[in-house]
Amino acid sequence: MEQILFYTIAGIALVSAGYFVFAKNPLYAILSLIITFFSIAGLYILLNAQFLGVIQVIVYAGAIMVLFLYILMMLNLNKEDESKKQHLNKFTGIIASGILFVGILGAYKGLSGKEVAGNVDFGVGLTKNLGQLLFNEYVLPFEFASVLILAGIVGAVLIGKRDL
């Protein structure tokens, strides 16, 4: 049952990602990308990485896609304003796709086909285990990152502040 659910969600992710690439309307493309992000979050949850699934929904499906929709509304794209796509862009896309295909094929050929030896810990993606690891072994880098983020926020406020 879990495998059927996995393949169903993966299929939804692939179809919506394909629609994103080939959609003519930018609004429909962004909405299909939101479906793709939710599908990827579902795959993370099925793979026992609940934290990554929640972060996927909050950061990508929430914040980033709201930003994309806001930008799309601000641009107010019309068909009259959209210039004809040049053949150079299509050619560049075909070349980039070919390079990606060759890279994926090389990675597939590099697989040995052997299964991973050893015991697999299925509790690795749980939030409890991640929190224990983060606040026990990696507490110093975590605190350095928080001080760096605080310095960035203070710097942004000072740069953006108007002199009155």
N, C-alpha and C. Protein backbone atom coordinates (compact mmCIF):
# COMPACT_ATOMS: atom_id res chain seq x y z
N MET A 1 0.82 -1.19 0.00
CA MET A 1 0.00 0.00 0.00
C MET A 1 0.87 1.26 0.00
N GLU A 2 1.96 1.23 0.80
CA GLU A 2 2.83 2.39 0.87
C GLU A 2 3.54 2.64 -0.46
N GLN A 3 3.90 1.55 -1.14
CA GLN A 3 4.56 1.69 -2.42
C GLN A 3 3.62 2.26 -3.48
N ILE A 4 2.36 1.86 -3.45
CA ILE A 4 1.37 2.39 -4.39
C ILE A 4 1.17 3.89 -4.14
N LEU A 5 1.10 4.27 -2.87
CA LEU A 5 0.96 5.68 -2.51
C LEU A 5 2.18 6.49 -2.96
N PHE A 6 3.36 5.91 -2.79
CA PHE A 6 4.59 6.57 -3.21
C PHE A 6 4.59 6.82 -4.71
N TYR A 7 4.26 5.80 -5.49
CA TYR A 7 4.25 5.95 -6.95
C TYR A 7 3.16 6.90 -7.41
N THR A 8 2.04 6.92 -6.72
CA THR A 8 0.96 7.86 -7.07
C THR A 8 1.40 9.30 -6.85
N ILE A 9 1.98 9.57 -5.68
CA ILE A 9 2.44 10.93 -5.38
C ILE A 9 3.59 11.33 -6.30
N ALA A 10 4.49 10.39 -6.59
CA ALA A 10 5.59 10.68 -7.50
C ALA A 10 5.06 10.97 -8.91
N GLY A 11 4.05 10.25 -9.33
CA GLY A 11 3.44 10.51 -10.63
C GLY A 11 2.80 11.88 -10.69
N ILE A 12 2.11 12.26 -9.62
CA ILE A 12 1.51 13.60 -9.56
C ILE A 12 2.60 14.67 -9.63
N ALA A 13 3.70 14.44 -8.92
CA ALA A 13 4.81 15.40 -8.95
C ALA A 13 5.40 15.52 -10.34
N LEU A 14 5.57 14.40 -11.04
CA LEU A 14 6.14 14.45 -12.38
C LEU A 14 5.21 15.12 -13.38
N VAL A 15 3.92 14.80 -13.30
CA VAL A 15 2.96 15.40 -14.23
C VAL A 15 2.86 16.90 -14.00
N SER A 16 2.77 17.32 -12.74
CA SER A 16 2.64 18.76 -12.48
C SER A 16 3.94 19.50 -12.81
N ALA A 17 5.10 18.87 -12.61
CA ALA A 17 6.36 19.50 -13.00
C ALA A 17 6.46 19.62 -14.52
N GLY A 18 6.00 18.60 -15.23
CA GLY A 18 5.98 18.67 -16.68
C GLY A 18 5.05 19.75 -17.18
N TYR A 19 3.88 19.88 -16.53
CA TYR A 19 2.96 20.94 -16.91
C TYR A 19 3.55 22.31 -16.65
N PHE A 20 4.33 22.43 -15.56
CA PHE A 20 4.99 23.70 -15.26
C PHE A 20 5.93 24.10 -16.39
N VAL A 21 6.65 23.13 -16.93
CA VAL A 21 7.62 23.44 -17.97
C VAL A 21 6.93 23.84 -19.27
N PHE A 22 5.82 23.18 -19.62
CA PHE A 22 5.21 23.40 -20.92
C PHE A 22 3.97 24.29 -20.89
N ALA A 23 3.62 24.86 -19.76
CA ALA A 23 2.41 25.70 -19.68
C ALA A 23 2.63 27.02 -20.40
N LYS A 24 1.59 27.46 -21.09
CA LYS A 24 1.65 28.74 -21.80
C LYS A 24 1.31 29.90 -20.87
N ASN A 25 0.40 29.67 -19.95
CA ASN A 25 -0.05 30.70 -19.03
C ASN A 25 0.84 30.67 -17.78
N PRO A 26 1.49 31.78 -17.41
CA PRO A 26 2.37 31.77 -16.24
C PRO A 26 1.64 31.50 -14.92
N LEU A 27 0.38 31.91 -14.81
CA LEU A 27 -0.36 31.65 -13.58
C LEU A 27 -0.59 30.15 -13.40
N TYR A 28 -0.97 29.46 -14.47
CA TYR A 28 -1.17 28.01 -14.38
C TYR A 28 0.15 27.29 -14.11
N ALA A 29 1.24 27.83 -14.65
CA ALA A 29 2.55 27.24 -14.40
C ALA A 29 2.91 27.34 -12.92
N ILE A 30 2.66 28.49 -12.32
CA ILE A 30 2.98 28.66 -10.90
C ILE A 30 2.09 27.78 -10.04
N LEU A 31 0.82 27.66 -10.38
CA LEU A 31 -0.07 26.79 -9.62
C LEU A 31 0.34 25.33 -9.74
N SER A 32 0.81 24.92 -10.90
CA SER A 32 1.28 23.54 -11.04
C SER A 32 2.58 23.33 -10.26
N LEU A 33 3.39 24.37 -10.13
CA LEU A 33 4.60 24.25 -9.32
C LEU A 33 4.25 24.11 -7.84
N ILE A 34 3.19 24.76 -7.40
CA ILE A 34 2.73 24.59 -6.02
C ILE A 34 2.32 23.13 -5.79
N ILE A 35 1.61 22.54 -6.74
CA ILE A 35 1.23 21.13 -6.63
C ILE A 35 2.48 20.25 -6.58
N THR A 36 3.48 20.61 -7.37
CA THR A 36 4.74 19.85 -7.34
C THR A 36 5.40 19.92 -5.98
N PHE A 37 5.43 21.11 -5.39
CA PHE A 37 6.05 21.26 -4.07
C PHE A 37 5.30 20.47 -3.00
N PHE A 38 3.98 20.48 -3.05
CA PHE A 38 3.22 19.69 -2.08
C PHE A 38 3.44 18.19 -2.30
N SER A 39 3.58 17.77 -3.54
CA SER A 39 3.84 16.36 -3.81
C SER A 39 5.21 15.94 -3.28
N ILE A 40 6.19 16.81 -3.45
CA ILE A 40 7.52 16.51 -2.93
C ILE A 40 7.48 16.44 -1.40
N ALA A 41 6.70 17.31 -0.78
CA ALA A 41 6.56 17.24 0.68
C ALA A 41 5.92 15.91 1.09
N GLY A 42 4.93 15.46 0.32
CA GLY A 42 4.33 14.15 0.60
C GLY A 42 5.33 13.02 0.46
N LEU A 43 6.22 13.12 -0.53
CA LEU A 43 7.26 12.09 -0.70
C LEU A 43 8.22 12.10 0.49
N TYR A 44 8.58 13.29 0.96
CA TYR A 44 9.44 13.37 2.14
C TYR A 44 8.79 12.70 3.34
N ILE A 45 7.51 12.94 3.52
CA ILE A 45 6.82 12.35 4.67
C ILE A 45 6.74 10.84 4.52
N LEU A 46 6.51 10.35 3.31
CA LEU A 46 6.49 8.90 3.09
C LEU A 46 7.86 8.27 3.33
N LEU A 47 8.92 9.03 3.09
CA LEU A 47 10.27 8.53 3.31
C LEU A 47 10.76 8.75 4.74
N ASN A 48 9.85 9.08 5.64
CA ASN A 48 10.12 9.23 7.07
C ASN A 48 11.03 10.43 7.36
N ALA A 49 10.87 11.49 6.58
CA ALA A 49 11.61 12.72 6.82
C ALA A 49 10.57 13.82 7.03
N GLN A 50 9.89 13.75 8.16
CA GLN A 50 8.78 14.67 8.43
C GLN A 50 9.24 16.11 8.51
N PHE A 51 10.40 16.34 9.07
CA PHE A 51 10.90 17.70 9.19
C PHE A 51 11.10 18.33 7.82
N LEU A 52 11.71 17.59 6.90
CA LEU A 52 11.90 18.12 5.55
C LEU A 52 10.57 18.35 4.85
N GLY A 53 9.59 17.49 5.09
CA GLY A 53 8.27 17.68 4.50
C GLY A 53 7.61 18.96 4.98
N VAL A 54 7.69 19.22 6.27
CA VAL A 54 7.09 20.44 6.82
C VAL A 54 7.83 21.68 6.33
N ILE A 55 9.16 21.61 6.28
CA ILE A 55 9.94 22.73 5.78
C ILE A 55 9.64 22.98 4.31
N GLN A 56 9.44 21.91 3.54
CA GLN A 56 9.09 22.05 2.12
C GLN A 56 7.78 22.82 1.96
N VAL A 57 6.80 22.50 2.79
CA VAL A 57 5.51 23.19 2.71
C VAL A 57 5.63 24.64 3.16
N ILE A 58 6.32 24.87 4.27
CA ILE A 58 6.41 26.23 4.82
C ILE A 58 7.24 27.14 3.91
N VAL A 59 8.43 26.68 3.53
CA VAL A 59 9.34 27.55 2.79
C VAL A 59 8.97 27.64 1.33
N TYR A 60 8.86 26.51 0.66
CA TYR A 60 8.67 26.56 -0.79
C TYR A 60 7.21 26.78 -1.18
N ALA A 61 6.33 25.90 -0.74
CA ALA A 61 4.93 26.03 -1.14
C ALA A 61 4.29 27.26 -0.51
N GLY A 62 4.80 27.69 0.61
CA GLY A 62 4.24 28.87 1.26
C GLY A 62 4.90 30.15 0.80
N ALA A 63 6.10 30.38 1.28
CA ALA A 63 6.75 31.68 1.09
C ALA A 63 7.19 31.93 -0.35
N ILE A 64 7.89 31.01 -0.95
CA ILE A 64 8.44 31.24 -2.28
C ILE A 64 7.32 31.37 -3.30
N MET A 65 6.31 30.53 -3.23
CA MET A 65 5.25 30.58 -4.23
C MET A 65 4.37 31.82 -4.05
N VAL A 66 4.19 32.29 -2.83
CA VAL A 66 3.47 33.54 -2.62
C VAL A 66 4.26 34.68 -3.26
N LEU A 67 5.58 34.64 -3.12
CA LEU A 67 6.43 35.64 -3.74
C LEU A 67 6.30 35.58 -5.26
N PHE A 68 6.32 34.39 -5.85
CA PHE A 68 6.16 34.25 -7.30
C PHE A 68 4.81 34.79 -7.76
N LEU A 69 3.75 34.46 -7.04
CA LEU A 69 2.43 34.96 -7.42
C LEU A 69 2.36 36.48 -7.30
N TYR A 70 2.97 37.02 -6.28
CA TYR A 70 2.99 38.48 -6.10
C TYR A 70 3.72 39.15 -7.25
N ILE A 71 4.86 38.61 -7.63
CA ILE A 71 5.63 39.17 -8.74
C ILE A 71 4.85 39.06 -10.03
N LEU A 72 4.17 37.94 -10.24
CA LEU A 72 3.37 37.77 -11.44
C LEU A 72 2.25 38.80 -11.51
N MET A 73 1.62 39.08 -10.37
CA MET A 73 0.56 40.09 -10.36
C MET A 73 1.14 41.49 -10.59
N MET A 74 2.32 41.74 -10.06
CA MET A 74 2.92 43.06 -10.24
C MET A 74 3.38 43.30 -11.68
N LEU A 75 3.83 42.24 -12.36
CA LEU A 75 4.29 42.39 -13.73
C LEU A 75 3.13 42.62 -14.70
N ASN A 76 1.98 42.04 -14.42
CA ASN A 76 0.78 42.20 -15.25
C ASN A 76 1.10 41.86 -16.71
N LEU A 77 1.50 40.61 -16.92
CA LEU A 77 1.90 40.16 -18.25
C LEU A 77 0.69 40.05 -19.17
N ASN A 78 0.84 40.58 -20.36
CA ASN A 78 -0.18 40.48 -21.39
C ASN A 78 0.44 39.81 -22.61
N LYS A 79 -0.39 39.20 -23.43
CA LYS A 79 0.13 38.58 -24.64
C LYS A 79 0.67 39.62 -25.61
N GLU A 80 0.11 40.81 -25.62
CA GLU A 80 0.60 41.84 -26.52
C GLU A 80 2.00 42.30 -26.12
N ASP A 81 2.27 42.31 -24.82
CA ASP A 81 3.56 42.78 -24.34
C ASP A 81 4.66 41.73 -24.48
N GLU A 82 4.25 40.49 -24.53
CA GLU A 82 5.24 39.41 -24.58
C GLU A 82 5.85 39.33 -25.97
N SER A 83 7.13 39.48 -26.04
CA SER A 83 7.79 39.42 -27.34
C SER A 83 7.91 37.97 -27.79
N LYS A 84 8.14 37.80 -29.06
CA LYS A 84 8.30 36.46 -29.62
C LYS A 84 9.57 35.84 -29.05
N LYS A 85 9.44 34.58 -28.67
CA LYS A 85 10.61 33.90 -28.13
C LYS A 85 11.59 33.64 -29.26
N GLN A 86 12.81 33.94 -28.98
CA GLN A 86 13.84 33.78 -29.99
C GLN A 86 14.27 32.33 -30.09
N HIS A 87 14.76 31.99 -31.26
CA HIS A 87 15.21 30.61 -31.47
C HIS A 87 16.44 30.31 -30.64
N LEU A 88 17.21 31.33 -30.30
CA LEU A 88 18.40 31.12 -29.50
C LEU A 88 18.03 30.58 -28.11
N ASN A 89 16.95 31.09 -27.51
CA ASN A 89 16.52 30.60 -26.20
C ASN A 89 16.11 29.14 -26.28
N LYS A 90 15.39 28.77 -27.34
CA LYS A 90 14.98 27.37 -27.50
C LYS A 90 16.19 26.48 -27.71
N PHE A 91 17.13 26.94 -28.50
CA PHE A 91 18.34 26.17 -28.75
C PHE A 91 19.14 25.98 -27.46
N THR A 92 19.25 27.04 -26.67
CA THR A 92 19.95 26.96 -25.39
C THR A 92 19.26 25.98 -24.45
N GLY A 93 17.94 25.99 -24.44
CA GLY A 93 17.19 25.04 -23.60
C GLY A 93 17.40 23.60 -24.02
N ILE A 94 17.46 23.37 -25.32
CA ILE A 94 17.69 22.01 -25.82
C ILE A 94 19.09 21.54 -25.44
N ILE A 95 20.07 22.42 -25.58
CA ILE A 95 21.45 22.06 -25.21
C ILE A 95 21.55 21.77 -23.72
N ALA A 96 20.93 22.61 -22.88
CA ALA A 96 20.98 22.40 -21.43
C ALA A 96 20.28 21.10 -21.05
N SER A 97 19.18 20.79 -21.70
CA SER A 97 18.47 19.54 -21.43
C SER A 97 19.33 18.34 -21.83
N GLY A 98 20.02 18.46 -22.94
CA GLY A 98 20.91 17.37 -23.37
C GLY A 98 22.04 17.14 -22.39
N ILE A 99 22.62 18.23 -21.89
CA ILE A 99 23.70 18.10 -20.90
C ILE A 99 23.17 17.46 -19.62
N LEU A 100 21.98 17.87 -19.19
CA LEU A 100 21.38 17.26 -18.00
C LEU A 100 21.13 15.77 -18.21
N PHE A 101 20.63 15.41 -19.40
CA PHE A 101 20.37 14.00 -19.71
C PHE A 101 21.66 13.19 -19.68
N VAL A 102 22.73 13.74 -20.25
CA VAL A 102 24.02 13.04 -20.23
C VAL A 102 24.52 12.87 -18.80
N GLY A 103 24.34 13.89 -17.97
CA GLY A 103 24.75 13.78 -16.56
C GLY A 103 23.97 12.73 -15.81
N ILE A 104 22.66 12.68 -16.04
CA ILE A 104 21.84 11.67 -15.37
C ILE A 104 22.21 10.28 -15.85
N LEU A 105 22.45 10.15 -17.16
CA LEU A 105 22.85 8.86 -17.72
C LEU A 105 24.19 8.41 -17.15
N GLY A 106 25.13 9.34 -17.00
CA GLY A 106 26.42 9.01 -16.40
C GLY A 106 26.29 8.59 -14.95
N ALA A 107 25.41 9.26 -14.21
CA ALA A 107 25.20 8.87 -12.81
C ALA A 107 24.55 7.50 -12.73
N TYR A 108 23.65 7.21 -13.66
CA TYR A 108 22.99 5.89 -13.67
C TYR A 108 23.98 4.80 -14.02
N LYS A 109 24.88 5.07 -14.96
CA LYS A 109 25.89 4.07 -15.34
C LYS A 109 26.88 3.85 -14.20
N GLY A 110 27.10 4.88 -13.38
CA GLY A 110 28.04 4.76 -12.28
C GLY A 110 27.53 3.94 -11.10
N LEU A 111 26.22 3.68 -11.08
CA LEU A 111 25.67 2.87 -10.00
C LEU A 111 26.13 1.43 -10.16
N SER A 112 26.49 0.83 -9.04
CA SER A 112 26.98 -0.55 -9.12
C SER A 112 25.85 -1.56 -9.08
N GLY A 113 24.68 -1.17 -8.67
CA GLY A 113 23.57 -2.10 -8.59
C GLY A 113 23.54 -2.89 -7.29
N LYS A 114 24.52 -2.65 -6.43
CA LYS A 114 24.55 -3.35 -5.15
C LYS A 114 23.72 -2.59 -4.13
N GLU A 115 23.13 -3.31 -3.23
CA GLU A 115 22.36 -2.66 -2.17
C GLU A 115 23.30 -2.15 -1.09
N VAL A 116 22.84 -1.20 -0.34
CA VAL A 116 23.64 -0.62 0.72
C VAL A 116 23.80 -1.63 1.84
N ALA A 117 25.03 -1.85 2.23
CA ALA A 117 25.30 -2.80 3.29
C ALA A 117 25.11 -2.13 4.64
N GLY A 118 24.74 -2.91 5.62
CA GLY A 118 24.59 -2.40 6.97
C GLY A 118 23.15 -2.18 7.35
N ASN A 119 22.97 -1.77 8.57
CA ASN A 119 21.63 -1.51 9.08
C ASN A 119 21.18 -0.12 8.71
N VAL A 120 19.93 0.00 8.35
CA VAL A 120 19.37 1.28 7.99
C VAL A 120 18.56 1.80 9.17
N ASP A 121 18.86 3.02 9.60
CA ASP A 121 18.13 3.63 10.71
C ASP A 121 16.97 4.43 10.15
N PHE A 122 15.74 3.94 10.38
CA PHE A 122 14.57 4.59 9.82
C PHE A 122 14.11 5.78 10.65
N GLY A 123 14.73 6.03 11.78
CA GLY A 123 14.35 7.16 12.62
C GLY A 123 15.20 8.39 12.37
N VAL A 124 16.00 8.37 11.31
CA VAL A 124 16.94 9.45 11.08
C VAL A 124 16.25 10.77 10.72
N GLY A 125 15.13 10.74 10.03
CA GLY A 125 14.49 11.97 9.61
C GLY A 125 13.48 12.52 10.58
N LEU A 126 13.31 11.89 11.72
CA LEU A 126 12.33 12.36 12.70
C LEU A 126 12.80 13.65 13.36
N THR A 127 11.87 14.50 13.68
CA THR A 127 12.19 15.80 14.26
C THR A 127 12.85 15.65 15.62
N LYS A 128 12.44 14.66 16.39
CA LYS A 128 13.04 14.43 17.71
C LYS A 128 14.52 14.13 17.59
N ASN A 129 14.87 13.23 16.68
CA ASN A 129 16.28 12.88 16.50
C ASN A 129 17.08 14.05 15.93
N LEU A 130 16.49 14.81 15.03
CA LEU A 130 17.16 15.97 14.47
C LEU A 130 17.40 17.02 15.55
N GLY A 131 16.44 17.25 16.41
CA GLY A 131 16.60 18.22 17.50
C GLY A 131 17.68 17.80 18.48
N GLN A 132 17.69 16.51 18.82
CA GLN A 132 18.73 16.03 19.74
C GLN A 132 20.12 16.19 19.14
N LEU A 133 20.26 15.88 17.86
CA LEU A 133 21.54 16.01 17.19
C LEU A 133 21.95 17.48 17.08
N LEU A 134 20.98 18.34 16.77
CA LEU A 134 21.26 19.76 16.58
C LEU A 134 21.66 20.44 17.88
N PHE A 135 21.00 20.09 18.97
CA PHE A 135 21.27 20.78 20.23
C PHE A 135 22.26 20.05 21.13
N ASN A 136 22.76 18.90 20.71
CA ASN A 136 23.80 18.22 21.47
C ASN A 136 25.16 18.33 20.79
N GLU A 137 25.24 17.82 19.56
CA GLU A 137 26.54 17.80 18.88
C GLU A 137 26.84 19.08 18.11
N TYR A 138 25.81 19.72 17.57
CA TYR A 138 26.03 20.87 16.70
C TYR A 138 25.49 22.16 17.32
N VAL A 139 25.56 22.30 18.63
CA VAL A 139 25.00 23.49 19.28
C VAL A 139 25.85 24.73 18.98
N LEU A 140 27.16 24.60 18.91
CA LEU A 140 28.01 25.75 18.65
C LEU A 140 27.81 26.30 17.22
N PRO A 141 27.84 25.46 16.17
CA PRO A 141 27.54 26.02 14.83
C PRO A 141 26.12 26.57 14.73
N PHE A 142 25.18 25.97 15.46
CA PHE A 142 23.80 26.47 15.44
C PHE A 142 23.75 27.88 16.04
N GLU A 143 24.45 28.10 17.12
CA GLU A 143 24.48 29.42 17.76
C GLU A 143 25.23 30.43 16.89
N PHE A 144 26.31 30.01 16.25
CA PHE A 144 27.02 30.90 15.33
C PHE A 144 26.10 31.32 14.18
N ALA A 145 25.32 30.39 13.65
CA ALA A 145 24.39 30.72 12.57
C ALA A 145 23.33 31.71 13.05
N SER A 146 22.84 31.54 14.28
CA SER A 146 21.83 32.46 14.79
C SER A 146 22.40 33.86 15.00
N VAL A 147 23.64 33.96 15.46
CA VAL A 147 24.28 35.28 15.61
C VAL A 147 24.52 35.92 14.25
N LEU A 148 24.89 35.11 13.26
CA LEU A 148 25.09 35.63 11.90
C LEU A 148 23.78 36.15 11.32
N ILE A 149 22.69 35.43 11.52
CA ILE A 149 21.38 35.88 11.04
C ILE A 149 20.97 37.17 11.76
N LEU A 150 21.21 37.24 13.08
CA LEU A 150 20.90 38.46 13.83
C LEU A 150 21.71 39.64 13.31
N ALA A 151 22.99 39.43 13.00
CA ALA A 151 23.81 40.51 12.46
C ALA A 151 23.29 40.95 11.10
N GLY A 152 22.84 40.01 10.29
CA GLY A 152 22.27 40.36 8.99
C GLY A 152 21.00 41.18 9.13
N ILE A 153 20.16 40.82 10.09
CA ILE A 153 18.92 41.58 10.31
C ILE A 153 19.23 42.99 10.79
N VAL A 154 20.17 43.12 11.73
CA VAL A 154 20.53 44.45 12.23
C VAL A 154 21.14 45.28 11.10
N GLY A 155 21.99 44.66 10.27
CA GLY A 155 22.58 45.38 9.15
C GLY A 155 21.54 45.84 8.15
N ALA A 156 20.55 44.99 7.86
CA ALA A 156 19.49 45.37 6.92
C ALA A 156 18.64 46.51 7.48
N VAL A 157 18.40 46.50 8.78
CA VAL A 157 17.62 47.59 9.39
C VAL A 157 18.41 48.88 9.33
N LEU A 158 19.71 48.83 9.61
CA LEU A 158 20.53 50.04 9.59
C LEU A 158 20.68 50.59 8.17
N ILE A 159 20.81 49.73 7.18
CA ILE A 159 20.92 50.19 5.79
C ILE A 159 19.60 50.78 5.32
N GLY A 160 18.50 50.15 5.70
CA GLY A 160 17.19 50.61 5.24
C GLY A 160 16.64 51.77 6.01
N LYS A 161 17.25 52.12 7.12
CA LYS A 161 16.73 53.21 7.96
C LYS A 161 16.99 54.55 7.30
N ARG A 162 15.98 55.37 7.28
CA ARG A 162 16.12 56.71 6.73
C ARG A 162 16.64 57.65 7.82
N ASP A 163 17.46 58.57 7.40
CA ASP A 163 17.92 59.59 8.34
C ASP A 163 16.86 60.65 8.45
N LEU A 164 16.36 60.87 9.64
CA LEU A 164 15.29 61.85 9.84
C LEU A 164 15.82 63.15 10.32
